[in-house]
Amino acid sequence: MFVTHVKDCAEFLAGDHTHLRELLHPAKAGVAVRYSLAYGRIDPGQRSKRHRLASAEVYYILAGAGRVWIDDDAAGIETGSVVGVPPGATQWVENNGAVALEFLCLVDPAWRAEDEEVFE
């Protein structure tokens, strides 16, 4: 059994400048899953850097509002939005709201540093 809590996971600044807490990673948690799961936060007026992953991603927006860019497309996001990012797509997320943009990010297969490219 694996159980954790977001408050028990250390926050760090990811390469794309998103504040992350890694909730589940198969290489660290000893669970037999292909994906990793993180809690992310972008403060008001901030954005993540343009980046690309070899893996697919799914964002589930927990709180706040903003915009997400995937390649040449942009869309508004808010609490309850779900965003699918295909492998190899260039992406970034902007918080244009008044409160922190909080989200869960599922990466499949699990996130690895060598699978991410940051452009800024």
Protein backbone atom coordinates (compact mmCIF):
# COMPACT_ATOMS: atom_id res chain seq x y z
CA MET A 1 0.00 0.00 0.00
CA PHE A 2 1.18 3.51 -0.81
CA VAL A 3 -0.35 6.52 0.96
CA THR A 4 1.01 10.06 1.09
CA HIS A 5 -0.26 13.60 1.57
CA VAL A 6 0.57 16.70 -0.45
CA LYS A 7 1.82 18.52 2.67
CA ASP A 8 4.35 15.72 3.26
CA CYS A 9 5.88 16.08 -0.22
CA ALA A 10 8.66 18.67 -0.50
CA GLU A 11 8.01 21.58 -2.85
CA PHE A 12 10.65 22.43 -5.46
CA LEU A 13 10.96 24.72 -8.46
CA ALA A 14 10.90 22.58 -11.60
CA GLY A 15 12.95 23.32 -14.70
CA ASP A 16 9.90 24.92 -16.33
CA HIS A 17 9.53 27.23 -13.25
CA THR A 18 6.42 25.50 -11.92
CA HIS A 19 6.27 24.92 -8.16
CA LEU A 20 5.86 21.15 -7.84
CA ARG A 21 5.35 18.51 -5.20
CA GLU A 22 5.95 15.01 -6.53
CA LEU A 23 3.12 12.91 -5.11
CA LEU A 24 3.88 9.59 -6.77
CA HIS A 25 6.75 8.31 -8.89
CA PRO A 26 7.20 4.57 -9.50
CA ALA A 27 11.00 4.80 -9.14
CA LYS A 28 10.69 6.40 -5.69
CA ALA A 29 7.46 5.04 -4.20
CA GLY A 30 7.91 1.37 -5.03
CA VAL A 31 4.56 1.09 -6.80
CA ALA A 32 4.02 -0.78 -10.05
CA VAL A 33 2.58 1.99 -12.24
CA ARG A 34 3.84 3.56 -15.50
CA TYR A 35 2.94 7.16 -14.64
CA SER A 36 4.02 9.85 -12.19
CA LEU A 37 1.72 12.30 -10.44
CA ALA A 38 2.59 15.78 -9.17
CA TYR A 39 0.78 18.69 -7.56
CA GLY A 40 1.67 21.97 -9.27
CA ARG A 41 1.23 25.66 -8.53
CA ILE A 42 1.76 28.80 -10.60
CA ASP A 43 1.35 32.08 -8.74
CA PRO A 44 -0.78 34.97 -10.10
CA GLY A 45 0.88 36.79 -13.00
CA GLN A 46 3.42 33.98 -13.54
CA ARG A 47 3.78 31.28 -16.18
CA SER A 48 5.73 28.13 -16.79
CA LYS A 49 8.56 28.20 -19.31
CA ARG A 50 8.00 26.79 -22.79
CA HIS A 51 8.93 23.13 -22.61
CA ARG A 52 8.40 19.74 -24.23
CA LEU A 53 8.20 16.24 -22.78
CA ALA A 54 8.63 12.92 -24.52
CA SER A 55 5.75 11.64 -22.36
CA ALA A 56 2.04 12.42 -22.52
CA GLU A 57 0.61 14.66 -19.78
CA VAL A 58 -2.79 15.32 -18.30
CA TYR A 59 -3.47 18.44 -16.21
CA TYR A 60 -6.46 18.63 -13.89
CA ILE A 61 -7.05 22.18 -12.64
CA LEU A 62 -7.87 22.26 -8.91
CA ALA A 63 -8.09 26.04 -8.41
CA GLY A 64 -7.55 29.31 -10.26
CA ALA A 65 -7.71 30.32 -13.91
CA GLY A 66 -5.35 30.89 -16.78
CA ARG A 67 -4.37 29.82 -20.27
CA VAL A 68 -2.57 26.80 -21.63
CA TRP A 69 -0.63 26.68 -24.88
CA ILE A 70 0.00 23.44 -26.74
CA ASP A 71 2.06 23.99 -29.88
CA ASP A 72 0.19 26.80 -31.71
CA ASP A 73 -3.15 26.41 -29.87
CA ALA A 74 -4.24 28.26 -26.72
CA ALA A 75 -7.24 27.70 -24.46
CA GLY A 76 -8.62 29.14 -21.25
CA ILE A 77 -8.50 26.90 -18.19
CA GLU A 78 -10.24 27.12 -14.82
CA THR A 79 -11.15 24.97 -11.84
CA GLY A 80 -12.38 21.62 -13.15
CA SER A 81 -10.65 21.86 -16.57
CA VAL A 82 -8.79 18.84 -17.89
CA VAL A 83 -6.00 19.31 -20.45
CA GLY A 84 -4.39 16.51 -22.46
CA VAL A 85 -0.91 17.17 -23.82
CA PRO A 86 0.39 14.73 -26.44
CA PRO A 87 3.99 13.49 -26.27
CA GLY A 88 6.45 15.86 -27.93
CA ALA A 89 4.16 18.93 -27.88
CA THR A 90 5.59 22.32 -26.93
CA GLN A 91 3.60 23.68 -23.99
CA TRP A 92 3.34 26.28 -21.25
CA VAL A 93 0.74 27.45 -18.75
CA GLU A 94 -0.02 31.02 -17.65
CA ASN A 95 -1.85 32.16 -14.53
CA ASN A 96 -3.82 35.27 -15.48
CA GLY A 97 -6.09 35.05 -12.44
CA ALA A 98 -6.01 36.62 -8.98
CA VAL A 99 -5.22 33.42 -7.02
CA ALA A 100 -2.72 30.59 -7.37
CA LEU A 101 -3.35 28.23 -10.29
CA GLU A 102 -3.23 24.77 -8.70
CA PHE A 103 -3.31 21.52 -10.62
CA LEU A 104 -2.50 17.84 -10.69
CA CYS A 105 -0.21 16.66 -13.46
CA LEU A 106 -0.09 13.04 -14.55
CA VAL A 107 2.85 12.08 -16.80
CA ASP A 108 2.82 8.77 -18.72
CA PRO A 109 5.29 7.18 -18.89
CA ALA A 110 6.65 8.60 -15.64
CA TRP A 111 8.61 11.87 -15.78
CA ARG A 112 12.38 11.62 -16.32
CA ALA A 113 14.77 14.58 -16.59
CA GLU A 114 16.21 13.29 -19.86
CA ASP A 115 12.72 13.33 -21.42
CA GLU A 116 12.18 17.07 -20.84
CA GLU A 117 13.47 20.00 -22.89
CA VAL A 118 13.05 23.59 -21.60
CA PHE A 119 13.34 26.31 -24.27
CA GLU A 120 13.82 29.45 -22.16
